[in-house]
């Protein structure tokens, strides 16, 4: 599914998401490393964290051809293998929907970021339309998380980011690529900072 979505516009969103990053970066839940080719040359290093062994093995291979230095390790967003205030930027790309505790992931990123550091995100969010929101809640309460790697469609990443101490500076709701619509379509792309 990922190659089809990338061809349908997700690759362009990845490039937009990462375009302005500089210095050292942590990417939480890097999956198969689909973002790796989109990092700009202004990034000096990426510490990519992925808990799932199979996805992590694919990410290791993807990191070999990346345009920047990328180190892929195991771990979770709620316990990053990083020193406090050790990175310049953080990346969340369709991750908060699937982590067991989104708030602990966000507060852990806040810990790892240097003061003034940047967090960029592309995430699912709960729909503003009551009918779609009802479908999202029903999907989350039944089989969707099981079939979609723990994904929850009805989460609110902006509230989570703010509750975790971030200041949201910019955001937009892009048309999600790959032909997804309805309950699967609402996404938000943006930037936040550590005060």
Foldseek 3Di string as FASTA:
>chain_A
DVVLLCVFPVVVVLLVQQVPDAEEEEEFQCFLVPSQQNHDPRYAEYEYEHADVVRLVNNVVVQVPGPHHYDYDYDHLLDDPAAFQATQEYEEEANLQADPDNLSSLLSVLRNHHAFHKYKYKYAEQDPDPVLNVVQVVCLVDCVCVVPVRGRRHHHVVVSNVVSQKAWDDKDFDARTNPDDRSNTTIMTGMITHD
